[in-house]
Amino acid sequence: MNELVVETKNLNFSYSKNKNDIQDLELKVPKGSIYGFLGPNGSGKSTSIRLILGLLKKNSGTVALFGELFNEQSRLNVLNKVGALIENPSLYEHLNAIDNLKISANYRQNISSNRIQEVLETVNLTKAKNKKIKEYSLGMKQRLGLAISLLSNPELIILDEPTNGLDPKGIIEMRTLIKDLNKKFGTTIFISSHLLSEIEKTCTHVGIIRNGKMLYQDTVASLKDSKGTNIKVEIEVDNPNEGVSVLKNLKMENISLLDDLLQIEVKNKNEITDVIDVLRTEGIHIYQVTIKNNLEELFLSLTEN
């Protein structure tokens, strides 16, 4: 069994007496994983993170980090191994990256100037290290926030919606950084997000939460497999109605037309080639073939009432 870096048991929390915001939450984050904590906005992701870090007082249950129960006695020792970026980083806009990192280093123990240079290089901000933060893009600010969380060389990094508000370039940069940190240094990374596509592209493990309850927890690969083996495909053609007739003559099942797009299900990708060949033989022009994200449908089925 994999060693768990984060484990919660029967974790409960309420902001008010009328609602249980976190209900019997059981998180299991394996060492060396990139764990995606996935759920709609308002599902309890940020609250769970605050409970893990001791920023909120739980009503009941336990939180263990690195196999050690998290409490007043173990708090400082445990948090020395954790880096966190919660929402937007708090930065001194009138200062540059070096000065921001120096200020943050003062709150930690034994952070050398060499380490400051190392984290700047890790997040690809070396060339912008002397630029004032007010001149940074949002993506650069997020990367500097990540650099701050890396100062103490943590074994676990917790990121709350790290791609929120970023443009496509910034999202790709953050995704690459996260995967590099995990691969090069073996850092366990816990990411909360409401974006299924990012979790799928970045993470090895996933936990899906709704209304404070854990609905699913396993590897991303297992999540994909749980949806079944059929592949859903959309095909854009010049004559959709004729395309439906041709495919029905093949005695294919689950054929439909949606917004003038052919919708079919096949058992494997080789069947997609066969379908395309038949349509072309019948003189139907194909403009686009798209494999649908079956994982998205499963996520929606789990998280929607």
Protein backbone atom coordinates (compact mmCIF):
# COMPACT_ATOMS: atom_id res chain seq x y z
CA MET A 1 0.00 0.00 0.00
CA ASN A 2 1.28 3.46 -0.89
CA GLU A 3 2.48 5.69 1.92
CA LEU A 4 -0.01 8.52 2.47
CA VAL A 5 1.21 12.10 2.78
CA VAL A 6 -2.27 13.42 3.58
CA GLU A 7 -4.97 11.36 5.25
CA THR A 8 -8.21 12.54 6.83
CA LYS A 9 -10.71 10.32 8.61
CA ASN A 10 -14.35 11.21 9.33
CA LEU A 11 -13.51 14.91 8.97
CA ASN A 12 -16.46 17.20 9.71
CA PHE A 13 -16.82 20.97 9.79
CA SER A 14 -19.64 23.50 9.86
CA TYR A 15 -19.62 27.26 9.44
CA SER A 16 -23.09 27.36 11.01
CA LYS A 17 -25.43 25.08 12.96
CA ASN A 18 -27.78 24.74 10.01
CA LYS A 19 -25.38 23.08 7.55
CA ASN A 20 -22.58 20.53 7.66
CA ASP A 21 -20.10 21.97 5.15
CA ILE A 22 -17.63 19.07 5.27
CA GLN A 23 -19.13 15.64 5.90
CA ASP A 24 -17.08 12.60 6.96
CA LEU A 25 -14.34 13.48 4.49
CA GLU A 26 -11.72 10.78 3.95
CA LEU A 27 -8.83 12.06 1.85
CA LYS A 28 -5.99 9.73 0.88
CA VAL A 29 -3.09 11.44 -0.93
CA PRO A 30 -0.28 9.00 -1.83
CA LYS A 31 3.36 10.06 -1.51
CA GLY A 32 4.81 11.22 -4.84
CA SER A 33 1.42 11.74 -6.47
CA ILE A 34 -0.14 14.75 -8.14
CA TYR A 35 -3.55 14.64 -6.49
CA GLY A 36 -6.39 16.59 -8.04
CA PHE A 37 -9.13 17.67 -5.64
CA LEU A 38 -12.00 18.25 -8.01
CA GLY A 39 -15.46 19.70 -7.54
CA PRO A 40 -17.81 22.51 -8.54
CA ASN A 41 -17.39 25.96 -7.02
CA GLY A 42 -18.73 25.92 -3.47
CA SER A 43 -18.28 22.17 -3.03
CA GLY A 44 -15.93 22.50 -0.04
CA LYS A 45 -12.48 22.31 -1.64
CA SER A 46 -11.02 25.47 -0.08
CA THR A 47 -12.59 24.69 3.29
CA SER A 48 -11.00 21.23 3.22
CA ILE A 49 -7.58 22.75 2.49
CA ARG A 50 -7.93 25.15 5.41
CA LEU A 51 -8.79 22.22 7.68
CA ILE A 52 -5.75 20.27 6.46
CA LEU A 53 -3.48 23.25 7.18
CA GLY A 54 -5.07 23.96 10.57
CA LEU A 55 -6.45 27.33 9.44
CA LEU A 56 -9.92 26.19 10.51
CA LYS A 57 -10.79 24.15 13.58
CA LYS A 58 -12.51 20.89 12.70
CA ASN A 59 -15.67 19.76 14.47
CA SER A 60 -14.61 16.12 14.51
CA GLY A 61 -12.36 13.61 12.80
CA THR A 62 -8.61 13.49 12.27
CA VAL A 63 -6.03 14.98 9.91
CA ALA A 64 -2.67 13.27 9.45
CA LEU A 65 0.26 14.63 7.43
CA PHE A 66 3.29 12.43 6.68
CA GLY A 67 1.77 9.73 8.87
CA GLU A 68 1.63 12.04 11.91
CA LEU A 69 -1.59 13.32 13.48
CA PHE A 70 -1.82 17.06 12.94
CA ASN A 71 -2.32 18.84 16.27
CA GLU A 72 -0.84 21.62 18.40
CA GLN A 73 2.16 19.49 19.37
CA SER A 74 3.06 18.40 15.83
CA ARG A 75 1.93 21.54 13.99
CA LEU A 76 5.26 23.34 13.54
CA ASN A 77 7.22 20.22 12.65
CA VAL A 78 4.62 19.13 10.08
CA LEU A 79 4.13 22.55 8.46
CA ASN A 80 7.90 22.86 7.90
CA LYS A 81 7.45 20.16 5.26
CA VAL A 82 4.52 21.89 3.55
CA GLY A 83 4.34 24.70 1.02
CA ALA A 84 0.99 26.26 0.12
CA LEU A 85 -0.41 28.72 -2.39
CA ILE A 86 -3.95 29.61 -1.33
CA GLU A 87 -5.88 31.79 -3.77
CA ASN A 88 -3.82 34.75 -5.07
CA PRO A 89 -0.41 35.17 -3.42
CA SER A 90 0.14 38.14 -1.11
CA LEU A 91 2.98 40.09 -2.70
CA TYR A 92 4.60 43.49 -2.18
CA GLU A 93 3.79 45.12 -5.52
CA HIS A 94 6.34 47.95 -5.14
CA LEU A 95 9.21 45.49 -4.62
CA ASN A 96 10.89 43.06 -7.00
CA ALA A 97 10.88 39.25 -6.86
CA ILE A 98 14.18 39.01 -4.98
CA ASP A 99 12.96 41.32 -2.21
CA ASN A 100 9.62 39.49 -1.93
CA LEU A 101 11.44 36.20 -1.55
CA LYS A 102 13.86 37.65 1.03
CA ILE A 103 10.94 38.90 3.14
CA SER A 104 9.28 35.49 2.97
CA ALA A 105 12.58 33.77 3.78
CA ASN A 106 12.81 35.79 7.00
CA TYR A 107 9.72 33.95 8.30
CA ARG A 108 11.39 30.59 7.71
CA GLN A 109 14.50 28.98 9.08
CA ASN A 110 17.85 28.64 7.34
CA ILE A 111 16.87 29.90 3.87
CA SER A 112 20.04 30.83 2.00
CA SER A 113 20.44 33.35 -0.81
CA ASN A 114 21.34 30.40 -3.04
CA ARG A 115 17.93 28.88 -2.32
CA ILE A 116 16.24 32.11 -3.42
CA GLN A 117 18.08 31.91 -6.73
CA GLU A 118 17.16 28.23 -7.07
CA VAL A 119 13.41 28.76 -6.66
CA LEU A 120 13.49 31.68 -9.11
CA GLU A 121 15.12 29.38 -11.64
CA THR A 122 12.62 26.61 -10.90
CA VAL A 123 9.64 28.85 -11.70
CA ASN A 124 11.38 30.49 -14.68
CA LEU A 125 11.53 34.01 -13.22
CA THR A 126 15.31 34.54 -13.21
CA LYS A 127 15.19 37.08 -16.03
CA ALA A 128 12.41 39.03 -14.29
CA LYS A 129 13.83 38.85 -10.77
CA ASN A 130 14.63 42.59 -10.59
CA LYS A 131 11.35 43.74 -12.11
CA LYS A 132 8.76 45.24 -9.74
CA ILE A 133 5.80 42.97 -9.06
CA LYS A 134 3.31 45.59 -10.23
CA GLU A 135 4.75 45.02 -13.71
CA TYR A 136 4.18 41.26 -13.52
CA SER A 137 1.37 39.46 -15.34
CA LEU A 138 -1.04 37.37 -13.25
CA GLY A 139 0.74 34.22 -14.41
CA MET A 140 4.09 35.58 -13.26
CA LYS A 141 2.60 36.50 -9.88
CA GLN A 142 1.27 32.96 -9.50
CA ARG A 143 4.70 31.57 -10.32
CA LEU A 144 6.32 33.87 -7.76
CA GLY A 145 3.75 32.70 -5.21
CA LEU A 146 4.75 29.14 -6.04
CA ALA A 147 8.42 30.10 -5.63
CA ILE A 148 7.66 31.41 -2.14
CA SER A 149 5.97 28.12 -1.25
CA LEU A 150 9.10 26.27 -2.45
CA LEU A 151 11.60 28.18 -0.28
CA SER A 152 11.76 25.56 2.47
CA ASN A 153 12.05 22.72 -0.07
CA PRO A 154 8.72 21.18 1.03
CA GLU A 155 7.77 17.53 0.59
CA LEU A 156 4.13 18.53 0.00
CA ILE A 157 2.78 21.50 -1.95
CA ILE A 158 -0.88 22.49 -1.67
CA LEU A 159 -2.30 24.67 -4.46
CA ASP A 160 -5.81 26.09 -4.32
CA GLU A 161 -7.12 26.81 -7.85
CA PRO A 162 -3.61 27.70 -9.16
CA THR A 163 -4.82 28.41 -12.73
CA ASN A 164 -7.75 30.68 -11.79
CA GLY A 165 -7.81 33.77 -13.98
CA LEU A 166 -4.78 32.75 -16.03
CA ASP A 167 -4.69 33.02 -19.82
CA PRO A 168 -3.95 29.86 -21.86
CA LYS A 169 -0.19 30.56 -21.82
CA GLY A 170 -0.21 30.99 -18.05
CA ILE A 171 -2.22 27.77 -17.58
CA ILE A 172 0.28 25.79 -19.67
CA GLU A 173 3.23 27.29 -17.76
CA MET A 174 1.68 26.40 -14.39
CA ARG A 175 0.81 22.89 -15.56
CA THR A 176 4.38 22.33 -16.79
CA LEU A 177 5.85 23.63 -13.52
CA ILE A 178 3.68 21.32 -11.43
CA LYS A 179 4.61 18.25 -13.46
CA ASP A 180 8.31 19.17 -13.42
CA LEU A 181 8.34 19.62 -9.65
CA ASN A 182 6.78 16.22 -9.22
CA LYS A 183 9.04 14.48 -11.71
CA LYS A 184 12.38 16.09 -10.83
CA PHE A 185 12.06 16.29 -7.05
CA GLY A 186 9.39 13.70 -6.21
CA THR A 187 7.31 16.42 -4.55
CA THR A 188 3.77 15.41 -3.66
CA ILE A 189 1.38 18.02 -5.04
CA PHE A 190 -2.23 18.55 -3.99
CA ILE A 191 -4.26 20.71 -6.38
CA SER A 192 -7.83 21.86 -5.92
CA SER A 193 -9.68 22.81 -9.08
CA HIS A 194 -13.10 22.96 -10.70
CA LEU A 195 -11.50 22.41 -14.14
CA LEU A 196 -11.72 18.76 -15.13
CA SER A 197 -9.50 19.26 -18.18
CA GLU A 198 -6.59 20.51 -16.07
CA ILE A 199 -6.91 17.68 -13.55
CA GLU A 200 -6.98 15.13 -16.37
CA LYS A 201 -3.87 16.60 -18.02
CA THR A 202 -1.88 17.13 -14.83
CA CYS A 203 -2.80 14.64 -12.11
CA THR A 204 -2.15 11.00 -11.31
CA HIS A 205 -4.88 10.74 -8.67
CA VAL A 206 -8.23 12.42 -8.20
CA GLY A 207 -10.81 12.97 -5.50
CA ILE A 208 -14.22 14.34 -6.48
CA ILE A 209 -16.18 16.29 -3.88
CA ARG A 210 -19.71 17.71 -3.85
CA ASN A 211 -21.49 19.45 -0.98
CA GLY A 212 -18.65 18.53 1.36
CA LYS A 213 -18.85 14.80 0.59
CA MET A 214 -16.27 12.67 -1.20
CA LEU A 215 -17.95 11.03 -4.20
CA TYR A 216 -14.99 9.31 -5.86
CA GLN A 217 -11.31 8.77 -5.06
CA ASP A 218 -8.79 6.77 -7.08
CA THR A 219 -6.26 7.14 -9.89
CA VAL A 220 -7.19 9.20 -12.94
CA ALA A 221 -6.72 6.05 -15.04
CA SER A 222 -9.28 4.16 -12.92
CA LEU A 223 -11.70 7.06 -13.25
CA LYS A 224 -11.47 6.84 -17.02
CA ASP A 225 -11.92 3.08 -16.97
CA SER A 226 -15.02 3.33 -14.78
CA LYS A 227 -16.84 5.09 -17.59
CA GLY A 228 -16.72 1.99 -19.78
CA THR A 229 -14.93 1.01 -22.94
CA ASN A 230 -17.03 2.67 -25.65
CA ILE A 231 -15.61 5.75 -27.33
CA LYS A 232 -17.98 8.57 -28.29
CA VAL A 233 -17.16 10.35 -31.54
CA GLU A 234 -18.53 13.47 -33.28
CA ILE A 235 -18.14 13.77 -37.05
CA GLU A 236 -18.76 16.94 -39.05
CA VAL A 237 -19.77 16.16 -42.65
CA ASP A 238 -21.27 18.01 -45.63
CA ASN A 239 -24.47 15.92 -45.66
CA PRO A 240 -25.38 14.87 -42.08
CA ASN A 241 -28.70 13.18 -42.90
CA GLU A 242 -27.12 11.07 -45.63
CA GLY A 243 -24.30 10.22 -43.22
CA VAL A 244 -26.81 8.87 -40.67
CA SER A 245 -28.42 6.69 -43.34
CA VAL A 246 -25.06 5.29 -44.44
CA LEU A 247 -24.02 4.41 -40.90
CA LYS A 248 -27.37 2.83 -40.07
CA ASN A 249 -26.92 0.55 -43.08
CA LEU A 250 -23.77 -0.67 -41.33
CA LYS A 251 -26.04 -1.75 -38.46
CA MET A 252 -24.11 0.45 -36.06
CA GLU A 253 -25.77 1.23 -32.74
CA ASN A 254 -26.09 4.55 -30.91
CA ILE A 255 -26.11 6.76 -34.02
CA SER A 256 -27.67 10.19 -33.69
CA LEU A 257 -27.57 13.70 -35.10
CA LEU A 258 -26.94 16.71 -32.86
CA ASP A 259 -26.47 20.23 -34.25
CA ASP A 260 -25.75 18.68 -37.67
CA LEU A 261 -22.95 16.56 -36.19
CA LEU A 262 -22.96 12.78 -36.45
CA GLN A 263 -22.79 11.20 -33.00
CA ILE A 264 -21.57 7.60 -32.84
CA GLU A 265 -20.10 5.10 -30.37
CA VAL A 266 -17.30 2.68 -31.26
CA LYS A 267 -15.47 0.03 -29.27
CA ASN A 268 -11.96 1.09 -30.32
CA LYS A 269 -10.15 3.70 -32.40
CA ASN A 270 -9.72 1.30 -35.34
CA GLU A 271 -13.49 1.42 -35.87
CA ILE A 272 -13.25 5.19 -36.36
CA THR A 273 -11.05 4.59 -39.40
CA ASP A 274 -13.60 2.11 -40.79
CA VAL A 275 -16.42 4.63 -40.37
CA ILE A 276 -14.44 7.36 -42.14
CA ASP A 277 -13.62 5.01 -45.05
CA VAL A 278 -17.29 4.08 -45.51
CA LEU A 279 -18.45 7.71 -45.47
CA ARG A 280 -15.83 8.70 -48.04
CA THR A 281 -16.70 5.75 -50.27
CA GLU A 282 -20.30 7.02 -50.31
CA GLY A 283 -19.09 10.45 -51.43
CA ILE A 284 -19.63 12.19 -48.09
CA HIS A 285 -17.03 14.85 -47.29
CA ILE A 286 -15.62 14.81 -43.76
CA TYR A 287 -14.52 18.10 -42.22
CA GLN A 288 -13.72 17.12 -38.64
CA VAL A 289 -13.62 14.11 -36.31
CA THR A 290 -13.65 14.67 -32.55
CA ILE A 291 -13.31 12.07 -29.80
CA LYS A 292 -15.58 13.19 -26.97
CA ASN A 293 -14.35 13.40 -23.40
CA ASN A 294 -16.22 10.58 -21.67
CA LEU A 295 -14.59 11.64 -18.40
CA GLU A 296 -16.48 14.92 -18.55
CA GLU A 297 -19.81 13.10 -18.65
CA LEU A 298 -18.85 11.01 -15.64
CA PHE A 299 -17.80 14.12 -13.71
CA LEU A 300 -21.11 15.81 -14.49
CA SER A 301 -23.08 12.71 -13.48
CA LEU A 302 -21.26 12.63 -10.14
CA THR A 303 -21.43 16.33 -9.32
CA GLU A 304 -24.88 17.33 -10.59
CA ASN A 305 -27.94 16.57 -8.53
